[in-house]
C-alpha atoms as a PDB file:
ATOM      1  CA  MET A   1      -5.577 -18.698   0.953  1.00  0.00           C
ATOM      2  CA  GLY A   2      -5.923 -16.498   4.025  1.00  0.00           C
ATOM      3  CA  MET A   3      -6.669 -13.038   2.772  1.00  0.00           C
ATOM      4  CA  LYS A   4      -4.943 -11.335   5.688  1.00  0.00           C
ATOM      5  CA  GLY A   5      -1.708 -13.221   4.915  1.00  0.00           C
ATOM      6  CA  LYS A   6       1.092 -11.634   2.942  1.00  0.00           C
ATOM      7  CA  ILE A   7       1.753 -12.988  -0.492  1.00  0.00           C
ATOM      8  CA  ALA A   8       5.444 -12.867  -1.243  1.00  0.00           C
ATOM      9  CA  LEU A   9       6.510 -13.824  -4.739  1.00  0.00           C
ATOM     10  CA  GLY A  10       3.617 -16.190  -5.340  1.00  0.00           C
ATOM     11  CA  ALA A  11       3.494 -17.979  -1.988  1.00  0.00           C
ATOM     12  CA  VAL A  12       1.129 -17.212   0.872  1.00  0.00           C
ATOM     13  CA  VAL A  13       3.022 -16.523   4.089  1.00  0.00           C
ATOM     14  CA  GLY A  14       2.365 -14.676   7.335  1.00  0.00           C
ATOM     15  CA  PHE A  15       3.598 -11.189   8.051  1.00  0.00           C
ATOM     16  CA  VAL A  16       7.312 -11.656   8.650  1.00  0.00           C
ATOM     17  CA  VAL A  17       9.859  -9.377  10.261  1.00  0.00           C
ATOM     18  CA  ILE A  18      12.813  -8.994   7.947  1.00  0.00           C
ATOM     19  CA  GLY A  19      15.246  -6.917  10.000  1.00  0.00           C
ATOM     20  CA  THR A  20      17.317  -5.890   7.014  1.00  0.00           C
ATOM     21  CA  VAL A  21      15.602  -7.882   4.230  1.00  0.00           C
ATOM     22  CA  SER A  22      14.777 -11.614   4.118  1.00  0.00           C
ATOM     23  CA  ALA A  23      13.165 -13.854   1.532  1.00  0.00           C
ATOM     24  CA  ASN A  24       9.923 -14.002   3.532  1.00  0.00           C
ATOM     25  CA  ALA A  25       9.513 -10.240   3.862  1.00  0.00           C
ATOM     26  CA  GLY A  26       6.302  -8.500   2.966  1.00  0.00           C
ATOM     27  CA  ASN A  27       6.342  -6.269  -0.052  1.00  0.00           C
ATOM     28  CA  GLY A  28       6.223  -2.485   0.470  1.00  0.00           C
ATOM     29  CA  GLY A  29       5.467   0.731  -1.347  1.00  0.00           C
ATOM     30  CA  LYS A  30       3.227   3.467  -2.650  1.00  0.00           C
ATOM     31  CA  ASP A  31       3.599   6.697  -4.479  1.00  0.00           C
ATOM     32  CA  ALA A  32       1.312   9.591  -3.799  1.00  0.00           C
ATOM     33  CA  GLY A  33      -2.042  10.556  -2.464  1.00  0.00           C
ATOM     34  CA  SER A  34      -3.846  13.307  -0.655  1.00  0.00           C
ATOM     35  CA  GLY A  35      -3.238  13.638   3.055  1.00  0.00           C
ATOM     36  CA  SER A  36      -5.737  15.381   5.322  1.00  0.00           C
ATOM     37  CA  SER A  37      -5.011  18.977   6.247  1.00  0.00           C
ATOM     38  CA  GLY A  38      -4.284  20.337   9.708  1.00  0.00           C
ATOM     39  CA  LYS A  39      -1.677  19.575  12.329  1.00  0.00           C
ATOM     40  CA  ASP A  40      -3.812  16.910  13.984  1.00  0.00           C
ATOM     41  CA  SER A  41      -5.392  15.589  10.817  1.00  0.00           C
ATOM     42  CA  SER A  42      -5.512  11.870  10.174  1.00  0.00           C
ATOM     43  CA  ALA A  43      -4.470  10.087   6.997  1.00  0.00           C
ATOM     44  CA  SER A  44      -6.657   7.187   5.956  1.00  0.00           C
ATOM     45  CA  ALA A  45      -7.717   5.267   2.888  1.00  0.00           C
ATOM     46  CA  THR A  46     -10.209   7.025   0.611  1.00  0.00           C
ATOM     47  CA  HIS A  47     -13.391   4.988   0.779  1.00  0.00           C
ATOM     48  CA  ARG A  48     -16.314   4.424  -1.530  1.00  0.00           C
ATOM     49  CA  PRO A  49     -19.950   3.359  -0.919  1.00  0.00           C
ATOM     50  CA  GLY A  50     -20.493  -0.076   0.610  1.00  0.00           C
ATOM     51  CA  GLY A  51     -19.030   0.415   4.060  1.00  0.00           C
ATOM     52  CA  LYS A  52     -16.622   3.044   2.769  1.00  0.00           C
ATOM     53  CA  LYS A  53     -16.380   6.820   3.232  1.00  0.00           C
ATOM     54  CA  ASP A  54     -16.626   9.158   0.266  1.00  0.00           C
ATOM     55  CA  SER A  55     -18.961  11.728  -1.239  1.00  0.00           C
ATOM     56  CA  GLY A  56     -20.708  11.248  -4.562  1.00  0.00           C
ATOM     57  CA  GLY A  57     -18.696  14.062  -6.104  1.00  0.00           C
ATOM     58  CA  ALA A  58     -15.385  12.631  -4.910  1.00  0.00           C
ATOM     59  CA  GLU A  59     -16.342   9.204  -6.219  1.00  0.00           C
ATOM     60  CA  ALA A  60     -17.262  10.626  -9.616  1.00  0.00           C
ATOM     61  CA  ALA A  61     -13.962  12.514  -9.802  1.00  0.00           C
ATOM     62  CA  GLU A  62     -12.020   9.378  -8.897  1.00  0.00           C
ATOM     63  CA  LYS A  63     -13.842   7.311 -11.532  1.00  0.00           C
ATOM     64  CA  LYS A  64     -13.175   9.989 -14.125  1.00  0.00           C
ATOM     65  CA  LYS A  65      -9.433   9.810 -13.584  1.00  0.00           C
ATOM     66  CA  ALA A  66      -9.225   6.018 -13.149  1.00  0.00           C
ATOM     67  CA  ALA A  67      -6.454   4.570 -15.291  1.00  0.00           C
ATOM     68  CA  PHE A  68      -7.860   1.026 -15.390  1.00  0.00           C
ATOM     69  CA  ASP A  69     -10.335  -1.275 -13.662  1.00  0.00           C
ATOM     70  CA  GLY A  70      -9.534  -3.165 -10.468  1.00  0.00           C
ATOM     71  CA  ASP A  71     -10.307  -6.537 -12.046  1.00  0.00           C
ATOM     72  CA  GLY A  72      -8.309  -7.794 -14.998  1.00  0.00           C
ATOM     73  CA  ASP A  73      -4.990  -8.784 -16.545  1.00  0.00           C
ATOM     74  CA  TYR A  74      -3.182  -5.947 -18.305  1.00  0.00           C
ATOM     75  CA  GLN A  75      -0.244  -6.100 -20.706  1.00  0.00           C
ATOM     76  CA  VAL A  76       2.314  -3.443 -19.843  1.00  0.00           C
ATOM     77  CA  GLY A  77       3.016  -1.121 -22.749  1.00  0.00           C
ATOM     78  CA  SER A  78      -0.233  -1.807 -24.623  1.00  0.00           C
ATOM     79  CA  ASP A  79      -3.049  -2.005 -22.042  1.00  0.00           C
ATOM     80  CA  ILE A  80      -1.370   0.128 -19.383  1.00  0.00           C
ATOM     81  CA  LYS A  81       1.716   2.310 -19.336  1.00  0.00           C
ATOM     82  CA  PRO A  82       4.626   1.921 -16.904  1.00  0.00           C
ATOM     83  CA  GLY A  83       4.229   4.235 -13.938  1.00  0.00           C
ATOM     84  CA  THR A  84       2.914   4.448 -10.389  1.00  0.00           C
ATOM     85  CA  TYR A  85      -0.714   3.666  -9.607  1.00  0.00           C
ATOM     86  CA  ARG A  86      -2.937   3.800  -6.535  1.00  0.00           C
ATOM     87  CA  THR A  87      -6.087   1.946  -5.467  1.00  0.00           C
ATOM     88  CA  THR A  88      -8.060   3.027  -2.392  1.00  0.00           C
ATOM     89  CA  GLY A  89     -10.858   1.815  -0.151  1.00  0.00           C
ATOM     90  CA  ASN A  90     -10.120  -1.895  -0.361  1.00  0.00           C
ATOM     91  CA  THR A  91     -11.333  -3.954   2.623  1.00  0.00           C
ATOM     92  CA  ASP A  92     -10.583  -7.324   4.253  1.00  0.00           C
ATOM     93  CA  GLY A  93      -7.573  -8.085   2.050  1.00  0.00           C
ATOM     94  CA  LYS A  94      -9.816  -8.985  -0.906  1.00  0.00           C
ATOM     95  CA  CYS A  95      -7.807  -6.832  -3.307  1.00  0.00           C
ATOM     96  CA  TYR A  96      -4.921  -8.773  -4.847  1.00  0.00           C
ATOM     97  CA  TRP A  97      -2.428  -7.396  -7.384  1.00  0.00           C
ATOM     98  CA  GLU A  98       0.626  -8.840  -9.087  1.00  0.00           C
ATOM     99  CA  ARG A  99       3.513  -7.638 -11.237  1.00  0.00           C
ATOM    100  CA  ALA A 100       4.743 -10.401 -13.549  1.00  0.00           C
ATOM    101  CA  LYS A 101       7.622 -10.836 -15.983  1.00  0.00           C
ATOM    102  CA  ASP A 102       5.524 -12.976 -18.343  1.00  0.00           C
ATOM    103  CA  ALA A 103       1.989 -14.321 -18.774  1.00  0.00           C
ATOM    104  CA  SER A 104       2.749 -17.953 -17.945  1.00  0.00           C
ATOM    105  CA  GLY A 105       0.904 -17.812 -14.635  1.00  0.00           C
ATOM    106  CA  GLU A 106       3.746 -19.705 -12.973  1.00  0.00           C
ATOM    107  CA  THR A 107       5.181 -18.803  -9.574  1.00  0.00           C
ATOM    108  CA  ASP A 108       8.548 -17.901 -11.081  1.00  0.00           C
ATOM    109  CA  SER A 109       6.938 -15.201 -13.200  1.00  0.00           C
ATOM    110  CA  VAL A 110       5.875 -13.112 -10.171  1.00  0.00           C
ATOM    111  CA  LEU A 111       8.013 -10.017  -9.541  1.00  0.00           C
ATOM    112  CA  ALA A 112       5.945  -8.605  -6.651  1.00  0.00           C
ATOM    113  CA  ASN A 113       2.407  -8.947  -5.284  1.00  0.00           C
ATOM    114  CA  ASP A 114       0.204  -8.151  -2.313  1.00  0.00           C
ATOM    115  CA  ASN A 115      -3.159  -8.676  -0.618  1.00  0.00           C
ATOM    116  CA  VAL A 116      -4.421  -5.177   0.124  1.00  0.00           C
ATOM    117  CA  THR A 117      -6.442  -3.650   2.935  1.00  0.00           C
ATOM    118  CA  GLY A 118      -7.003   0.075   2.567  1.00  0.00           C
ATOM    119  CA  THR A 119      -4.783   1.857   0.043  1.00  0.00           C
ATOM    120  CA  SER A 120      -2.073   0.368  -2.130  1.00  0.00           C
ATOM    121  CA  TYR A 121       0.506   2.006  -4.372  1.00  0.00           C
ATOM    122  CA  VAL A 122       2.541   0.094  -6.928  1.00  0.00           C
ATOM    123  CA  THR A 123       5.082   1.095  -9.553  1.00  0.00           C
ATOM    124  CA  VAL A 124       4.794  -0.865 -12.792  1.00  0.00           C
ATOM    125  CA  LYS A 125       8.229  -0.985 -14.430  1.00  0.00           C
ATOM    126  CA  PRO A 126       8.955  -0.793 -18.174  1.00  0.00           C
ATOM    127  CA  GLY A 127      10.376  -4.334 -18.051  1.00  0.00           C
ATOM    128  CA  ASP A 128       7.184  -5.802 -16.569  1.00  0.00           C
ATOM    129  CA  LYS A 129       5.040  -7.775 -18.999  1.00  0.00           C
ATOM    130  CA  LEU A 130       1.781  -8.224 -17.093  1.00  0.00           C
ATOM    131  CA  PHE A 131      -0.102  -6.538 -14.252  1.00  0.00           C
ATOM    132  CA  LYS A 132      -2.907  -8.525 -12.599  1.00  0.00           C
ATOM    133  CA  SER A 133      -5.581  -7.050 -10.342  1.00  0.00           C
ATOM    134  CA  THR A 134      -8.435  -8.906  -8.633  1.00  0.00           C
ATOM    135  CA  GLY A 135     -11.099  -7.508  -6.298  1.00  0.00           C
ATOM    136  CA  CYS A 136      -9.500  -4.060  -6.151  1.00  0.00           C
ATOM    137  CA  ASN A 137     -11.092  -0.645  -6.574  1.00  0.00           C
ATOM    138  CA  ASP A 138     -10.156   1.141  -9.796  1.00  0.00           C
ATOM    139  CA  TRP A 139      -6.504   2.105 -10.172  1.00  0.00           C
ATOM    140  CA  GLU A 140      -5.582   5.757 -10.739  1.00  0.00           C
ATOM    141  CA  ALA A 141      -2.327   7.086 -12.159  1.00  0.00           C
ATOM    142  CA  VAL A 142      -0.207   9.048  -9.687  1.00  0.00           C
ATOM    143  CA  ALA A 143       1.864  12.035 -10.737  1.00  0.00           C
ATOM    144  CA  PRO A 144       5.563  11.585  -9.853  1.00  0.00           C
ATOM    145  CA  LYS A 145       5.602  14.835  -7.869  1.00  0.00           C
ATOM    146  CA  ALA A 146       2.026  14.841  -6.586  1.00  0.00           C
ATOM    147  CA  LYS A 147       1.598  17.102  -3.563  1.00  0.00           C
ATOM    148  CA  GLY A 148      -0.555  16.856  -0.458  1.00  0.00           C
ATOM    149  CA  THR A 149      -0.866  18.106   3.098  1.00  0.00           C
ATOM    150  CA  PRO A 150       0.838  15.463   5.266  1.00  0.00           C
ATOM    151  CA  ALA A 151      -1.144  14.320   8.307  1.00  0.00           C
ATOM    152  CA  SER A 152       0.199  13.661  11.808  1.00  0.00           C
ATOM    153  CA  SER A 153      -1.902  10.541  12.431  1.00  0.00           C
ATOM    154  CA  MET A 154      -3.112   7.644  10.322  1.00  0.00           C
ATOM    155  CA  ASP A 155      -5.517   4.723  10.190  1.00  0.00           C
ATOM    156  CA  GLY A 156      -3.703   1.644  11.522  1.00  0.00           C
ATOM    157  CA  ASP A 157      -5.396  -0.546   8.908  1.00  0.00           C
ATOM    158  CA  GLY A 158      -5.256   2.071   6.154  1.00  0.00           C
ATOM    159  CA  GLY A 159      -2.633   0.369   4.019  1.00  0.00           C
ATOM    160  CA  MET A 160       0.083   2.494   2.420  1.00  0.00           C
ATOM    161  CA  PHE A 161       0.914   6.169   2.883  1.00  0.00           C
ATOM    162  CA  LYS A 162       3.397   8.356   1.005  1.00  0.00           C
ATOM    163  CA  VAL A 163       5.826  10.075   3.345  1.00  0.00           C
ATOM    164  CA  GLY A 164       5.768  13.845   2.982  1.00  0.00           C
ATOM    165  CA  THR A 165       2.489  13.733   1.016  1.00  0.00           C
ATOM    166  CA  ASP A 166       0.022  11.563   2.957  1.00  0.00           C
ATOM    167  CA  ILE A 167       1.858  11.570   6.291  1.00  0.00           C
ATOM    168  CA  ALA A 168       4.601  13.666   7.852  1.00  0.00           C
ATOM    169  CA  PRO A 169       7.917  12.046   8.826  1.00  0.00           C
ATOM    170  CA  GLY A 170       8.514  11.617  12.550  1.00  0.00           C
ATOM    171  CA  THR A 171       8.009   9.138  15.397  1.00  0.00           C
ATOM    172  CA  TYR A 172       4.594   7.478  15.617  1.00  0.00           C
ATOM    173  CA  LYS A 173       2.937   5.298  18.281  1.00  0.00           C
ATOM    174  CA  SER A 174       0.193   2.668  17.914  1.00  0.00           C
ATOM    175  CA  SER A 175      -1.378   1.106  21.030  1.00  0.00           C
ATOM    176  CA  GLY A 176      -3.587  -1.882  21.795  1.00  0.00           C
ATOM    177  CA  ASN A 177      -2.227  -4.284  19.172  1.00  0.00           C
ATOM    178  CA  THR A 178      -2.943  -7.971  19.854  1.00  0.00           C
ATOM    179  CA  ASP A 179      -1.875 -11.405  18.594  1.00  0.00           C
ATOM    180  CA  ASP A 180       0.898 -10.100  16.316  1.00  0.00           C
ATOM    181  CA  SER A 181      -1.792  -8.820  13.951  1.00  0.00           C
ATOM    182  CA  CYS A 182      -0.182  -5.383  13.678  1.00  0.00           C
ATOM    183  CA  TYR A 183       2.288  -5.248  10.797  1.00  0.00           C
ATOM    184  CA  TRP A 184       4.208  -2.126   9.703  1.00  0.00           C
ATOM    185  CA  GLU A 185       6.760  -1.529   6.980  1.00  0.00           C
ATOM    186  CA  ARG A 186       9.020   1.319   5.849  1.00  0.00           C
ATOM    187  CA  THR A 187       9.948   1.299   2.165  1.00  0.00           C
ATOM    188  CA  LYS A 188      12.226   3.161  -0.228  1.00  0.00           C
ATOM    189  CA  ASP A 189       9.989   2.933  -3.342  1.00  0.00           C
ATOM    190  CA  ALA A 190       6.689   1.587  -4.692  1.00  0.00           C
ATOM    191  CA  GLU A 191       8.074  -1.354  -6.640  1.00  0.00           C
ATOM    192  CA  GLN A 192       6.994  -3.616  -3.754  1.00  0.00           C
ATOM    193  CA  GLY A 193       9.838  -6.084  -4.227  1.00  0.00           C
ATOM    194  CA  LEU A 194      12.060  -7.445  -1.468  1.00  0.00           C
ATOM    195  CA  ASP A 195      14.634  -4.739  -2.150  1.00  0.00           C
ATOM    196  CA  SER A 196      12.002  -2.069  -1.496  1.00  0.00           C
ATOM    197  CA  VAL A 197      11.790  -2.826   2.229  1.00  0.00           C
ATOM    198  CA  ILE A 198      13.882  -0.741   4.622  1.00  0.00           C
ATOM    199  CA  ALA A 199      12.476  -2.216   7.860  1.00  0.00           C
ATOM    200  CA  ASN A 200       9.314  -3.948   9.133  1.00  0.00           C
ATOM    201  CA  ASN A 201       7.842  -5.596  12.212  1.00  0.00           C
ATOM    202  CA  ASN A 202       4.978  -7.657  13.633  1.00  0.00           C
ATOM    203  CA  VAL A 203       3.847  -6.031  16.883  1.00  0.00           C
ATOM    204  CA  THR A 204       1.972  -7.126  19.992  1.00  0.00           C
ATOM    205  CA  GLY A 205       1.102  -4.315  22.412  1.00  0.00           C
ATOM    206  CA  THR A 206       2.392  -0.805  21.808  1.00  0.00           C
ATOM    207  CA  ALA A 207       4.309  -0.111  18.607  1.00  0.00           C
ATOM    208  CA  VAL A 208       6.691   2.795  18.084  1.00  0.00           C
ATOM    209  CA  VAL A 209       8.404   3.574  14.792  1.00  0.00           C
ATOM    210  CA  THR A 210      10.346   6.531  13.409  1.00  0.00           C
ATOM    211  CA  ILE A 211       9.523   7.309   9.795  1.00  0.00           C
ATOM    212  CA  SER A 212      12.411   9.118   8.125  1.00  0.00           C
ATOM    213  CA  SER A 213      12.010  12.005   5.704  1.00  0.00           C
ATOM    214  CA  THR A 214      14.025   9.912   3.254  1.00  0.00           C
ATOM    215  CA  ASP A 215      11.518   7.018   3.428  1.00  0.00           C
ATOM    216  CA  ALA A 216       9.208   6.839   0.431  1.00  0.00           C
ATOM    217  CA  TYR A 217       6.235   5.022   1.993  1.00  0.00           C
ATOM    218  CA  PHE A 218       4.860   3.554   5.214  1.00  0.00           C
ATOM    219  CA  LYS A 219       2.580   0.507   5.245  1.00  0.00           C
ATOM    220  CA  THR A 220       0.337  -0.454   8.177  1.00  0.00           C
ATOM    221  CA  THR A 221      -2.086  -3.382   8.481  1.00  0.00           C
ATOM    222  CA  GLY A 222      -4.066  -4.598  11.487  1.00  0.00           C
ATOM    223  CA  CYS A 223      -2.645  -1.950  13.834  1.00  0.00           C
ATOM    224  CA  GLY A 224      -4.299   0.544  16.161  1.00  0.00           C
ATOM    225  CA  ASP A 225      -4.351   4.078  14.816  1.00  0.00           C
ATOM    226  CA  TRP A 226      -0.962   5.783  14.712  1.00  0.00           C
ATOM    227  CA  LYS A 227      -0.330   9.209  16.256  1.00  0.00           C
ATOM    228  CA  LYS A 228       2.791  11.321  15.814  1.00  0.00           C
ATOM    229  CA  THR A 229       4.628  11.842  19.117  1.00  0.00           C
ATOM    230  CA  ALA A 230       7.759  13.620  17.931  1.00  0.00           C
END
């Protein structure tokens, strides 16, 4: 499978524009993180050693609060609790996660899934039975009302950002995108199902998008860095 491709409900597909919402849409979502401070600060994925940015102290703190490992199958309710989780620093789409309604391993059991570059947020629901994670950095639990200092720019390949916490709402521009490799998505929650997506697009050239204060998250993959223009 191509690791840059979107996985939608068990099948590998390309990034697809949904307009409203279509069956081939990418999944969306995240819940909370720490944005960089300052008016011109930039939000990006938190990285670890191995081609990733982070200090030893920050890495130790993150490991200390990790909810569960980035590799494994977890039964919801016994191994992990329902809630919103975040993984950061993932590169090249090698991190794959999946929410499933049973442990059959069949395509029909998949509720939502994604190949992740950068940061991913996902909400595990009480009705989920299994959460699978492969090649991801450790997952940390996210407080429902976690606060941060929202940035006015963001890494175009940074993954998912929480609106109002990681990034400020407003109109953003990304330039220099080629070959439809830039994909963005606005979402209303972190469940990452088809119903989560408000709008999305594959972009060649300059991309402009207005992120509303009522949006929950913004996802960006393969894009040039975004800067707030209004």
